[in-house]
C-alpha atoms as a PDB file:
ATOM      1  CA  MET A   1      -0.839  34.285 -20.778  1.00  0.00           C
ATOM      2  CA  GLN A   2      -3.378  36.764 -20.402  1.00  0.00           C
ATOM      3  CA  HIS A   3      -6.108  37.373 -17.946  1.00  0.00           C
ATOM      4  CA  GLY A   4      -9.832  37.740 -18.552  1.00  0.00           C
ATOM      5  CA  ALA A   5     -11.978  40.425 -17.460  1.00  0.00           C
ATOM      6  CA  ASP A   6     -13.837  39.481 -13.741  1.00  0.00           C
ATOM      7  CA  ILE A   7     -16.817  37.998 -14.420  1.00  0.00           C
ATOM      8  CA  SER A   8     -17.848  37.246 -10.768  1.00  0.00           C
ATOM      9  CA  PRO A   9     -21.118  38.508 -10.396  1.00  0.00           C
ATOM     10  CA  ASN A  10     -21.803  41.236  -7.798  1.00  0.00           C
ATOM     11  CA  GLU A  11     -25.314  41.511  -7.380  1.00  0.00           C
ATOM     12  CA  VAL A  12     -28.930  41.736  -5.926  1.00  0.00           C
ATOM     13  CA  THR A  13     -30.559  38.694  -6.228  1.00  0.00           C
ATOM     14  CA  ASN A  14     -33.981  38.002  -4.843  1.00  0.00           C
ATOM     15  CA  ILE A  15     -35.965  41.028  -2.636  1.00  0.00           C
ATOM     16  CA  GLU A  16     -38.602  39.632   0.134  1.00  0.00           C
ATOM     17  CA  ALA A  17     -40.347  41.068   2.446  1.00  0.00           C
ATOM     18  CA  SER A  18     -37.821  40.883   5.840  1.00  0.00           C
ATOM     19  CA  GLY A  19     -34.866  41.772   3.441  1.00  0.00           C
ATOM     20  CA  PHE A  20     -33.056  41.156   0.426  1.00  0.00           C
ATOM     21  CA  TRP A  21     -30.055  38.639  -0.887  1.00  0.00           C
ATOM     22  CA  LEU A  22     -26.547  39.765  -2.387  1.00  0.00           C
ATOM     23  CA  LEU A  23     -24.574  37.676  -4.554  1.00  0.00           C
ATOM     24  CA  LEU A  24     -20.735  38.917  -4.281  1.00  0.00           C
ATOM     25  CA  GLU A  25     -18.736  36.902  -6.043  1.00  0.00           C
ATOM     26  CA  ASP A  26     -19.371  33.742  -5.030  1.00  0.00           C
ATOM     27  CA  ARG A  27     -20.930  34.283  -1.591  1.00  0.00           C
ATOM     28  CA  GLU A  28     -24.503  34.687  -1.059  1.00  0.00           C
ATOM     29  CA  TYR A  29     -25.659  37.173   1.687  1.00  0.00           C
ATOM     30  CA  PHE A  30     -29.036  38.147   3.568  1.00  0.00           C
ATOM     31  CA  VAL A  31     -29.747  41.967   4.330  1.00  0.00           C
ATOM     32  CA  PRO A  32     -32.748  41.650   6.535  1.00  0.00           C
ATOM     33  CA  PHE A  33     -34.302  45.065   7.162  1.00  0.00           C
ATOM     34  CA  ALA A  34     -34.517  44.490  10.314  1.00  0.00           C
ATOM     35  CA  ASP A  35     -31.019  45.437  10.774  1.00  0.00           C
ATOM     36  CA  TYR A  36     -30.774  47.496   8.482  1.00  0.00           C
ATOM     37  CA  PRO A  37     -34.006  49.618   8.621  1.00  0.00           C
ATOM     38  CA  VAL A  38     -32.853  52.555   5.976  1.00  0.00           C
ATOM     39  CA  PHE A  39     -33.448  49.723   2.713  1.00  0.00           C
ATOM     40  CA  ARG A  40     -37.064  49.038   4.352  1.00  0.00           C
ATOM     41  CA  ASN A  41     -38.954  52.333   2.392  1.00  0.00           C
ATOM     42  CA  ALA A  42     -36.112  52.598  -0.345  1.00  0.00           C
ATOM     43  CA  LYS A  43     -37.058  51.920  -3.851  1.00  0.00           C
ATOM     44  CA  VAL A  44     -36.061  48.431  -6.062  1.00  0.00           C
ATOM     45  CA  SER A  45     -33.465  50.687  -8.248  1.00  0.00           C
ATOM     46  CA  GLU A  46     -32.198  52.280  -5.061  1.00  0.00           C
ATOM     47  CA  ILE A  47     -31.589  48.770  -3.651  1.00  0.00           C
ATOM     48  CA  PHE A  48     -30.066  47.556  -6.834  1.00  0.00           C
ATOM     49  CA  ARG A  49     -27.660  50.228  -7.157  1.00  0.00           C
ATOM     50  CA  PHE A  50     -24.479  49.112  -5.147  1.00  0.00           C
ATOM     51  CA  THR A  51     -20.238  49.303  -5.784  1.00  0.00           C
ATOM     52  CA  ARG A  52     -18.007  47.706  -3.672  1.00  0.00           C
ATOM     53  CA  THR A  53     -15.864  50.119  -1.988  1.00  0.00           C
ATOM     54  CA  SER A  54     -13.803  47.731  -0.816  1.00  0.00           C
ATOM     55  CA  PRO A  55     -13.153  44.145  -1.058  1.00  0.00           C
ATOM     56  CA  THR A  56     -14.971  43.738   2.597  1.00  0.00           C
ATOM     57  CA  GLN A  57     -17.410  46.943   1.437  1.00  0.00           C
ATOM     58  CA  ILE A  58     -20.542  47.578   0.161  1.00  0.00           C
ATOM     59  CA  HIS A  59     -21.805  51.422  -0.224  1.00  0.00           C
ATOM     60  CA  TRP A  60     -25.320  52.498  -1.727  1.00  0.00           C
ATOM     61  CA  PRO A  61     -24.844  55.561  -2.865  1.00  0.00           C
ATOM     62  CA  GLY A  62     -28.502  56.988  -3.569  1.00  0.00           C
ATOM     63  CA  LEU A  63     -29.553  55.890   0.118  1.00  0.00           C
ATOM     64  CA  ASP A  64     -25.852  56.761   1.122  1.00  0.00           C
ATOM     65  CA  ALA A  65     -25.580  53.336   3.132  1.00  0.00           C
ATOM     66  CA  ASP A  66     -22.594  51.336   3.757  1.00  0.00           C
ATOM     67  CA  ILE A  67     -22.478  47.635   4.944  1.00  0.00           C
ATOM     68  CA  GLU A  68     -18.932  45.224   6.210  1.00  0.00           C
ATOM     69  CA  LEU A  69     -19.107  41.804   4.767  1.00  0.00           C
ATOM     70  CA  GLU A  70     -18.166  40.346   7.996  1.00  0.00           C
ATOM     71  CA  ALA A  71     -21.270  42.001   9.960  1.00  0.00           C
ATOM     72  CA  LEU A  72     -23.271  39.929   7.092  1.00  0.00           C
ATOM     73  CA  ALA A  73     -21.164  36.918   7.135  1.00  0.00           C
ATOM     74  CA  GLU A  74     -21.526  37.069  11.208  1.00  0.00           C
ATOM     75  CA  PRO A  75     -23.880  38.907  12.491  1.00  0.00           C
ATOM     76  CA  GLU A  76     -23.935  37.801  16.008  1.00  0.00           C
ATOM     77  CA  ARG A  77     -19.779  38.746  16.257  1.00  0.00           C
ATOM     78  CA  PHE A  78     -21.893  42.710  14.813  1.00  0.00           C
ATOM     79  CA  PRO A  79     -24.745  43.585  17.430  1.00  0.00           C
ATOM     80  CA  LEU A  80     -26.518  46.216  15.598  1.00  0.00           C
ATOM     81  CA  VAL A  81     -27.792  49.868  17.197  1.00  0.00           C
ATOM     82  CA  TRP A  82     -29.663  51.994  15.119  1.00  0.00           C
ATOM     83  CA  LYS A  83     -29.552  55.686  15.784  1.00  0.00           C
ATOM     84  CA  GLU A  84     -31.808  58.367  14.499  1.00  0.00           C
ATOM     85  CA  ASP A  85     -30.201  61.574  12.961  1.00  0.00           C
ATOM     86  CA  ARG A  86     -31.684  63.851  15.848  1.00  0.00           C
ATOM     87  CA  ASP A  87     -30.531  66.842  13.246  1.00  0.00           C
ATOM     88  CA  SER A  88     -32.517  65.744  10.067  1.00  0.00           C
ATOM     89  CA  PRO A  89     -35.896  67.716   9.980  1.00  0.00           C
END
């Protein structure tokens, strides 16, 4: 028996004032701008353009941003601390 192509969606389903929703396979995740400020001023097209670099990680090449799915699924286990790059102009 030959299997068909993987048709499970990986997409941004909605962008709101406070963040955006990702549908990955059969689960939806919310990415809050408060926790991931790299997306706050991103263009909509940059948010929509992401890849799965592994079964557990998502990457936005235009923003040079990565998120582990575990951090979205269980944010209480992964407290985030945002650090500004001091070498940036």
